[in-house]
PDB file of N, CA and C in Angstrom:
ATOM      1  N   MET A   1      -6.998  23.620 -16.989  1.00  0.00           N
ATOM      2  CA  MET A   1      -6.254  23.238 -15.858  1.00  0.00           C
ATOM      3  C   MET A   1      -5.172  21.995 -16.387  1.00  0.00           C
ATOM      4  N   HIS A   2      -4.124  21.710 -15.529  1.00  0.00           N
ATOM      5  CA  HIS A   2      -3.185  20.710 -15.807  1.00  0.00           C
ATOM      6  C   HIS A   2      -3.306  19.605 -15.121  1.00  0.00           C
ATOM      7  N   ARG A   3      -3.124  18.460 -15.553  1.00  0.00           N
ATOM      8  CA  ARG A   3      -3.250  16.854 -14.886  1.00  0.00           C
ATOM      9  C   ARG A   3      -1.686  17.173 -13.819  1.00  0.00           C
ATOM     10  N   ARG A   4      -2.103  16.671 -12.703  1.00  0.00           N
ATOM     11  CA  ARG A   4      -0.908  16.557 -11.667  1.00  0.00           C
ATOM     12  C   ARG A   4      -0.123  15.553 -12.042  1.00  0.00           C
ATOM     13  N   ASP A   5       1.335  15.657 -11.765  1.00  0.00           N
ATOM     14  CA  ASP A   5       2.295  14.651 -11.915  1.00  0.00           C
ATOM     15  C   ASP A   5       1.975  13.670 -13.126  1.00  0.00           C
ATOM     16  N   ASN A   6       1.940  14.300 -14.454  1.00  0.00           N
ATOM     17  CA  ASN A   6       1.505  13.556 -15.679  1.00  0.00           C
ATOM     18  C   ASN A   6       0.652  12.455 -15.497  1.00  0.00           C
ATOM     19  N   GLY A   7      -0.497  12.992 -14.842  1.00  0.00           N
ATOM     20  CA  GLY A   7      -1.803  12.094 -14.766  1.00  0.00           C
ATOM     21  C   GLY A   7      -1.676  10.868 -13.794  1.00  0.00           C
ATOM     22  N   GLN A   8      -0.707  10.805 -13.118  1.00  0.00           N
ATOM     23  CA  GLN A   8      -0.580   9.589 -12.241  1.00  0.00           C
ATOM     24  C   GLN A   8      -1.682   9.738 -11.312  1.00  0.00           C
ATOM     25  N   PRO A   9      -2.130  10.640 -10.473  1.00  0.00           N
ATOM     26  CA  PRO A   9      -3.326  10.728  -9.749  1.00  0.00           C
ATOM     27  C   PRO A   9      -4.600  10.255 -10.342  1.00  0.00           C
ATOM     28  N   ILE A  10      -4.587  10.645 -11.787  1.00  0.00           N
ATOM     29  CA  ILE A  10      -5.963  10.257 -12.494  1.00  0.00           C
ATOM     30  C   ILE A  10      -5.669   8.470 -12.670  1.00  0.00           C
ATOM     31  N   ARG A  11      -4.751   7.960 -12.917  1.00  0.00           N
ATOM     32  CA  ARG A  11      -4.309   6.590 -13.305  1.00  0.00           C
ATOM     33  C   ARG A  11      -4.587   5.790 -12.114  1.00  0.00           C
ATOM     34  N   ASP A  12      -4.165   6.560 -10.953  1.00  0.00           N
ATOM     35  CA  ASP A  12      -4.333   5.762  -9.524  1.00  0.00           C
ATOM     36  C   ASP A  12      -5.729   5.781  -8.960  1.00  0.00           C
ATOM     37  N   ALA A  13      -6.643   6.615  -9.126  1.00  0.00           N
ATOM     38  CA  ALA A  13      -7.911   6.605  -8.970  1.00  0.00           C
ATOM     39  C   ALA A  13      -8.737   5.818  -9.946  1.00  0.00           C
ATOM     40  N   MET A  14      -8.357   5.594 -11.114  1.00  0.00           N
ATOM     41  CA  MET A  14      -8.892   4.738 -11.939  1.00  0.00           C
ATOM     42  C   MET A  14      -8.738   3.217 -11.699  1.00  0.00           C
ATOM     43  N   ARG A  15      -7.488   2.931 -11.142  1.00  0.00           N
ATOM     44  CA  ARG A  15      -7.168   1.601 -10.806  1.00  0.00           C
ATOM     45  C   ARG A  15      -7.754   1.046  -9.494  1.00  0.00           C
ATOM     46  N   GLU A  16      -7.860   2.245  -8.384  1.00  0.00           N
ATOM     47  CA  GLU A  16      -8.686   2.063  -7.364  1.00  0.00           C
ATOM     48  C   GLU A  16     -10.028   1.704  -7.651  1.00  0.00           C
ATOM     49  N   ALA A  17     -10.753   2.296  -8.575  1.00  0.00           N
ATOM     50  CA  ALA A  17     -12.201   1.970  -8.941  1.00  0.00           C
ATOM     51  C   ALA A  17     -12.296   1.052  -9.802  1.00  0.00           C
ATOM     52  N   GLY A  18     -11.179   0.534 -10.254  1.00  0.00           N
ATOM     53  CA  GLY A  18     -11.334  -0.741 -11.298  1.00  0.00           C
ATOM     54  C   GLY A  18     -11.715  -0.193 -12.834  1.00  0.00           C
ATOM     55  N   LEU A  19     -11.412   0.913 -12.997  1.00  0.00           N
ATOM     56  CA  LEU A  19     -12.034   1.664 -14.415  1.00  0.00           C
ATOM     57  C   LEU A  19     -11.079   1.617 -15.638  1.00  0.00           C
ATOM     58  N   SER A  20     -11.333   1.272 -16.815  1.00  0.00           N
ATOM     59  CA  SER A  20     -10.573   1.524 -17.805  1.00  0.00           C
ATOM     60  C   SER A  20     -10.925   2.619 -18.461  1.00  0.00           C
ATOM     61  N   ILE A  21     -10.436   2.978 -19.516  1.00  0.00           N
ATOM     62  CA  ILE A  21     -10.504   4.216 -20.168  1.00  0.00           C
ATOM     63  C   ILE A  21     -11.941   4.365 -20.848  1.00  0.00           C
ATOM     64  N   GLU A  22     -12.221   3.566 -21.282  1.00  0.00           N
ATOM     65  CA  GLU A  22     -13.511   3.460 -21.782  1.00  0.00           C
ATOM     66  C   GLU A  22     -14.806   3.510 -20.869  1.00  0.00           C
ATOM     67  N   ARG A  23     -14.637   2.866 -19.876  1.00  0.00           N
ATOM     68  CA  ARG A  23     -15.657   2.925 -18.751  1.00  0.00           C
ATOM     69  C   ARG A  23     -15.194   4.363 -18.133  1.00  0.00           C
ATOM     70  N   LEU A  24     -14.339   4.884 -17.840  1.00  0.00           N
ATOM     71  CA  LEU A  24     -14.426   6.219 -17.344  1.00  0.00           C
ATOM     72  C   LEU A  24     -15.082   7.140 -18.340  1.00  0.00           C
ATOM     73  N   ALA A  25     -15.072   7.064 -19.526  1.00  0.00           N
ATOM     74  CA  ALA A  25     -15.594   7.807 -20.362  1.00  0.00           C
ATOM     75  C   ALA A  25     -17.150   7.548 -20.222  1.00  0.00           C
ATOM     76  N   GLU A  26     -17.450   6.455 -20.013  1.00  0.00           N
ATOM     77  CA  GLU A  26     -19.012   6.413 -19.696  1.00  0.00           C
ATOM     78  C   GLU A  26     -19.427   6.803 -18.652  1.00  0.00           C
ATOM     79  N   LYS A  27     -18.630   6.767 -17.592  1.00  0.00           N
ATOM     80  CA  LYS A  27     -19.009   7.563 -16.167  1.00  0.00           C
ATOM     81  C   LYS A  27     -18.844   9.192 -16.276  1.00  0.00           C
ATOM     82  N   THR A  28     -18.206   9.507 -17.021  1.00  0.00           N
ATOM     83  CA  THR A  28     -18.247  10.913 -17.506  1.00  0.00           C
ATOM     84  C   THR A  28     -19.476  11.524 -17.977  1.00  0.00           C
ATOM     85  N   LYS A  29     -19.962  10.588 -18.839  1.00  0.00           N
ATOM     86  CA  LYS A  29     -21.583  10.941 -19.372  1.00  0.00           C
ATOM     87  C   LYS A  29     -22.563  10.917 -18.382  1.00  0.00           C
ATOM     88  N   GLU A  30     -22.395   9.887 -17.493  1.00  0.00           N
ATOM     89  CA  GLU A  30     -23.449   9.699 -16.275  1.00  0.00           C
ATOM     90  C   GLU A  30     -23.280  11.115 -15.206  1.00  0.00           C
ATOM     91  N   ALA A  31     -21.909  11.458 -15.094  1.00  0.00           N
ATOM     92  CA  ALA A  31     -21.954  12.537 -14.334  1.00  0.00           C
ATOM     93  C   ALA A  31     -22.141  13.914 -15.199  1.00  0.00           C
ATOM     94  N   ASP A  32     -22.227  14.081 -16.183  1.00  0.00           N
ATOM     95  CA  ASP A  32     -22.504  15.231 -17.092  1.00  0.00           C
ATOM     96  C   ASP A  32     -24.000  15.602 -16.881  1.00  0.00           C
ATOM     97  N   PRO A  33     -24.605  16.863 -16.464  1.00  0.00           N
ATOM     98  CA  PRO A  33     -25.835  17.046 -16.528  1.00  0.00           C
ATOM     99  C   PRO A  33     -26.418  16.958 -17.860  1.00  0.00           C
ATOM    100  N   LEU A  34     -25.465  17.473 -19.112  1.00  0.00           N
ATOM    101  CA  LEU A  34     -26.049  17.275 -20.451  1.00  0.00           C
ATOM    102  C   LEU A  34     -25.763  15.910 -20.799  1.00  0.00           C
ATOM    103  N   GLY A  35     -25.147  15.047 -20.266  1.00  0.00           N
ATOM    104  CA  GLY A  35     -25.020  13.718 -20.922  1.00  0.00           C
ATOM    105  C   GLY A  35     -24.077  13.677 -22.037  1.00  0.00           C
ATOM    106  N   TYR A  36     -23.215  14.467 -22.019  1.00  0.00           N
ATOM    107  CA  TYR A  36     -22.169  14.434 -23.334  1.00  0.00           C
ATOM    108  C   TYR A  36     -20.896  13.793 -22.799  1.00  0.00           C
ATOM    109  N   GLY A  37     -20.408  14.080 -21.457  1.00  0.00           N
ATOM    110  CA  GLY A  37     -19.332  13.454 -20.935  1.00  0.00           C
ATOM    111  C   GLY A  37     -18.001  13.946 -21.878  1.00  0.00           C
ATOM    112  N   ILE A  38     -16.900  12.999 -21.659  1.00  0.00           N
ATOM    113  CA  ILE A  38     -15.937  13.276 -22.239  1.00  0.00           C
ATOM    114  C   ILE A  38     -15.433  11.977 -23.056  1.00  0.00           C
ATOM    115  N   SER A  39     -14.536  12.277 -24.277  1.00  0.00           N
ATOM    116  CA  SER A  39     -14.226  11.142 -25.225  1.00  0.00           C
ATOM    117  C   SER A  39     -13.275  10.197 -24.522  1.00  0.00           C
ATOM    118  N   ARG A  40     -13.201   9.255 -24.977  1.00  0.00           N
ATOM    119  CA  ARG A  40     -12.363   8.142 -24.519  1.00  0.00           C
ATOM    120  C   ARG A  40     -10.777   8.734 -25.143  1.00  0.00           C
ATOM    121  N   SER A  41     -10.652   9.403 -26.317  1.00  0.00           N
ATOM    122  CA  SER A  41      -9.520  10.087 -26.521  1.00  0.00           C
ATOM    123  C   SER A  41      -8.830  11.098 -25.743  1.00  0.00           C
ATOM    124  N   ALA A  42      -9.917  12.084 -25.296  1.00  0.00           N
ATOM    125  CA  ALA A  42      -9.567  12.724 -24.419  1.00  0.00           C
ATOM    126  C   ALA A  42      -8.990  12.296 -22.955  1.00  0.00           C
ATOM    127  N   ILE A  43      -9.715  11.199 -22.771  1.00  0.00           N
ATOM    128  CA  ILE A  43      -8.969  10.808 -21.338  1.00  0.00           C
ATOM    129  C   ILE A  43      -7.869  10.159 -21.543  1.00  0.00           C
ATOM    130  N   GLY A  44      -7.665   9.448 -22.541  1.00  0.00           N
ATOM    131  CA  GLY A  44      -6.283   8.766 -22.830  1.00  0.00           C
ATOM    132  C   GLY A  44      -5.047   9.805 -23.007  1.00  0.00           C
ATOM    133  N   HIS A  45      -5.476  11.232 -23.433  1.00  0.00           N
ATOM    134  CA  HIS A  45      -4.517  12.400 -23.436  1.00  0.00           C
ATOM    135  C   HIS A  45      -4.105  12.448 -21.910  1.00  0.00           C
ATOM    136  N   MET A  46      -5.352  12.520 -21.009  1.00  0.00           N
ATOM    137  CA  MET A  46      -5.159  13.185 -19.749  1.00  0.00           C
ATOM    138  C   MET A  46      -4.063  11.681 -18.821  1.00  0.00           C
ATOM    139  N   VAL A  47      -4.289  10.662 -19.238  1.00  0.00           N
ATOM    140  CA  VAL A  47      -3.588   9.537 -18.476  1.00  0.00           C
ATOM    141  C   VAL A  47      -2.236   8.962 -19.106  1.00  0.00           C
ATOM    142  N   SER A  48      -2.085   9.450 -20.591  1.00  0.00           N
ATOM    143  CA  SER A  48      -0.837   8.864 -21.221  1.00  0.00           C
ATOM    144  C   SER A  48       0.401   9.510 -20.438  1.00  0.00           C
ATOM    145  N   THR A  49       1.425   8.533 -20.373  1.00  0.00           N
ATOM    146  CA  THR A  49       2.852   9.046 -19.928  1.00  0.00           C
ATOM    147  C   THR A  49       3.709   9.319 -21.069  1.00  0.00           C
ATOM    148  N   GLY A  50       3.350   9.013 -22.195  1.00  0.00           N
ATOM    149  CA  GLY A  50       3.844   9.031 -23.490  1.00  0.00           C
ATOM    150  C   GLY A  50       4.058  10.435 -24.289  1.00  0.00           C
ATOM    151  N   PRO A  51       4.011  10.409 -25.472  1.00  0.00           N
ATOM    152  CA  PRO A  51       3.890  11.579 -26.495  1.00  0.00           C
ATOM    153  C   PRO A  51       2.543  11.980 -26.666  1.00  0.00           C
ATOM    154  N   SER A  52       1.381  11.233 -26.377  1.00  0.00           N
ATOM    155  CA  SER A  52       0.169  11.506 -26.674  1.00  0.00           C
ATOM    156  C   SER A  52      -0.409  12.410 -25.349  1.00  0.00           C
ATOM    157  N   GLY A  53       0.274  12.429 -24.267  1.00  0.00           N
ATOM    158  CA  GLY A  53      -0.190  13.040 -23.180  1.00  0.00           C
ATOM    159  C   GLY A  53      -0.134  14.775 -23.286  1.00  0.00           C
ATOM    160  N   ARG A  54      -1.199  15.010 -22.834  1.00  0.00           N
ATOM    161  CA  ARG A  54      -1.453  16.603 -23.093  1.00  0.00           C
ATOM    162  C   ARG A  54      -1.742  17.503 -21.763  1.00  0.00           C
ATOM    163  N   ASN A  55      -1.642  18.577 -22.021  1.00  0.00           N
ATOM    164  CA  ASN A  55      -1.945  19.786 -20.946  1.00  0.00           C
ATOM    165  C   ASN A  55      -2.264  20.809 -22.031  1.00  0.00           C
ATOM    166  N   PRO A  56      -3.105  21.979 -21.471  1.00  0.00           N
ATOM    167  CA  PRO A  56      -3.954  21.642 -20.333  1.00  0.00           C
ATOM    168  C   PRO A  56      -5.166  21.272 -20.781  1.00  0.00           C
ATOM    169  N   PHE A  57      -6.326  21.111 -19.836  1.00  0.00           N
ATOM    170  CA  PHE A  57      -7.525  20.732 -20.258  1.00  0.00           C
ATOM    171  C   PHE A  57      -8.594  21.609 -19.742  1.00  0.00           C
ATOM    172  N   GLU A  58      -9.815  21.506 -20.481  1.00  0.00           N
ATOM    173  CA  GLU A  58     -10.711  22.326 -20.246  1.00  0.00           C
ATOM    174  C   GLU A  58     -11.227  22.208 -18.734  1.00  0.00           C
ATOM    175  N   ASP A  59     -11.671  23.039 -17.926  1.00  0.00           N
ATOM    176  CA  ASP A  59     -12.079  23.066 -16.706  1.00  0.00           C
ATOM    177  C   ASP A  59     -13.507  22.398 -16.617  1.00  0.00           C
ATOM    178  N   ARG A  60     -14.290  22.280 -17.496  1.00  0.00           N
ATOM    179  CA  ARG A  60     -15.410  21.104 -17.541  1.00  0.00           C
ATOM    180  C   ARG A  60     -14.818  19.740 -17.488  1.00  0.00           C
ATOM    181  N   SER A  61     -14.020  19.402 -18.424  1.00  0.00           N
ATOM    182  CA  SER A  61     -13.490  18.286 -18.593  1.00  0.00           C
ATOM    183  C   SER A  61     -12.774  17.646 -17.166  1.00  0.00           C
ATOM    184  N   CYS A  62     -12.163  18.442 -16.589  1.00  0.00           N
ATOM    185  CA  CYS A  62     -11.476  17.990 -15.455  1.00  0.00           C
ATOM    186  C   CYS A  62     -12.338  17.757 -14.341  1.00  0.00           C
ATOM    187  N   ASP A  63     -13.604  18.763 -14.178  1.00  0.00           N
ATOM    188  CA  ASP A  63     -14.712  18.497 -13.457  1.00  0.00           C
ATOM    189  C   ASP A  63     -15.373  17.150 -13.575  1.00  0.00           C
ATOM    190  N   LEU A  64     -15.566  16.786 -14.850  1.00  0.00           N
ATOM    191  CA  LEU A  64     -16.390  15.511 -14.914  1.00  0.00           C
ATOM    192  C   LEU A  64     -15.695  14.358 -14.758  1.00  0.00           C
ATOM    193  N   VAL A  65     -14.239  14.431 -14.881  1.00  0.00           N
ATOM    194  CA  VAL A  65     -13.477  13.453 -14.768  1.00  0.00           C
ATOM    195  C   VAL A  65     -13.289  13.297 -13.070  1.00  0.00           C
ATOM    196  N   ALA A  66     -12.923  14.148 -12.321  1.00  0.00           N
ATOM    197  CA  ALA A  66     -13.227  14.292 -10.831  1.00  0.00           C
ATOM    198  C   ALA A  66     -14.474  13.518 -10.433  1.00  0.00           C
ATOM    199  N   ARG A  67     -15.497  13.991 -10.830  1.00  0.00           N
ATOM    200  CA  ARG A  67     -17.079  13.877 -10.392  1.00  0.00           C
ATOM    201  C   ARG A  67     -16.959  12.172 -10.707  1.00  0.00           C
ATOM    202  N   ALA A  68     -16.527  11.701 -11.951  1.00  0.00           N
ATOM    203  CA  ALA A  68     -16.774  10.181 -12.247  1.00  0.00           C
ATOM    204  C   ALA A  68     -15.962   9.487 -11.442  1.00  0.00           C
ATOM    205  N   LEU A  69     -14.967  10.081 -11.093  1.00  0.00           N
ATOM    206  CA  LEU A  69     -13.993   9.427 -10.008  1.00  0.00           C
ATOM    207  C   LEU A  69     -14.149   9.330  -8.590  1.00  0.00           C
ATOM    208  N   GLY A  70     -15.039  10.431  -8.537  1.00  0.00           N
ATOM    209  CA  GLY A  70     -15.649  10.705  -6.901  1.00  0.00           C
ATOM    210  C   GLY A  70     -14.167  11.173  -6.279  1.00  0.00           C
ATOM    211  N   LYS A  71     -13.579  11.987  -6.815  1.00  0.00           N
ATOM    212  CA  LYS A  71     -12.104  12.655  -6.266  1.00  0.00           C
ATOM    213  C   LYS A  71     -12.172  14.176  -6.206  1.00  0.00           C
ATOM    214  N   PRO A  72     -11.807  14.683  -5.351  1.00  0.00           N
ATOM    215  CA  PRO A  72     -11.600  16.236  -5.310  1.00  0.00           C
ATOM    216  C   PRO A  72     -10.787  16.664  -6.798  1.00  0.00           C
ATOM    217  N   ILE A  73     -11.433  17.587  -7.428  1.00  0.00           N
ATOM    218  CA  ILE A  73     -10.663  18.021  -8.481  1.00  0.00           C
ATOM    219  C   ILE A  73      -9.211  18.397  -8.197  1.00  0.00           C
ATOM    220  N   ASP A  74      -8.977  18.917  -7.203  1.00  0.00           N
ATOM    221  CA  ASP A  74      -7.638  19.663  -6.847  1.00  0.00           C
ATOM    222  C   ASP A  74      -6.750  18.419  -6.536  1.00  0.00           C
ATOM    223  N   ASP A  75      -7.125  17.203  -6.290  1.00  0.00           N
ATOM    224  CA  ASP A  75      -6.331  16.105  -6.203  1.00  0.00           C
ATOM    225  C   ASP A  75      -5.695  15.448  -7.488  1.00  0.00           C
ATOM    226  N   LEU A  76      -6.446  15.707  -8.674  1.00  0.00           N
ATOM    227  CA  LEU A  76      -6.054  15.254  -9.728  1.00  0.00           C
ATOM    228  C   LEU A  76      -5.632  16.313 -10.834  1.00  0.00           C
ATOM    229  N   PHE A  77      -6.096  17.756 -10.658  1.00  0.00           N
ATOM    230  CA  PHE A  77      -5.721  18.659 -11.525  1.00  0.00           C
ATOM    231  C   PHE A  77      -5.166  19.809 -10.914  1.00  0.00           C
ATOM    232  N   SER A  78      -4.176  20.789 -11.618  1.00  0.00           N
ATOM    233  CA  SER A  78      -3.965  21.895 -10.963  1.00  0.00           C
ATOM    234  C   SER A  78      -4.194  23.352 -11.746  1.00  0.00           C
ATOM    235  N   ALA A  79      -4.550  24.308 -11.453  1.00  0.00           N
ATOM    236  CA  ALA A  79      -4.786  25.496 -12.133  1.00  0.00           C
ATOM    237  C   ALA A  79      -3.451  25.904 -12.700  1.00  0.00           C
ATOM    238  N   THR A  80      -2.505  25.605 -12.341  1.00  0.00           N
ATOM    239  CA  THR A  80      -1.075  25.936 -12.807  1.00  0.00           C
ATOM    240  C   THR A  80      -0.440  25.252 -13.589  1.00  0.00           C
ATOM    241  N   ALA A  81       0.191  25.515 -14.477  1.00  0.00           N
ATOM    242  CA  ALA A  81       1.217  24.528 -15.301  1.00  0.00           C
ATOM    243  C   ALA A  81       2.254  23.899 -14.340  1.00  0.00           C
ATOM    244  N   PRO A  82       2.508  22.546 -14.799  1.00  0.00           N
ATOM    245  CA  PRO A  82       3.547  21.835 -13.975  1.00  0.00           C
ATOM    246  C   PRO A  82       4.733  22.529 -14.379  1.00  0.00           C
ATOM    247  N   THR A  83       5.457  22.104 -13.267  1.00  0.00           N
ATOM    248  CA  THR A  83       7.006  22.835 -13.527  1.00  0.00           C
ATOM    249  C   THR A  83       8.004  21.803 -13.684  1.00  0.00           C
TER     250      THR A  83
END
């Protein structure tokens, strides 16, 4: 999956929830039935607007971020590459 608008919806949701990258990483562990979550580094790639911003991401990672933020996955990520 690909982040929408270079990660802006993720950054907005984090801001609304008052979450840092570190805290969001912790919340993905809480949302993960296996308890692994997503690393701070991977979340940093999701939210970065600079050269460290990446696409695509594993569906599982996108799902965990959306669940941790309490947002529908389609609000944050798209199945198609950005144009």
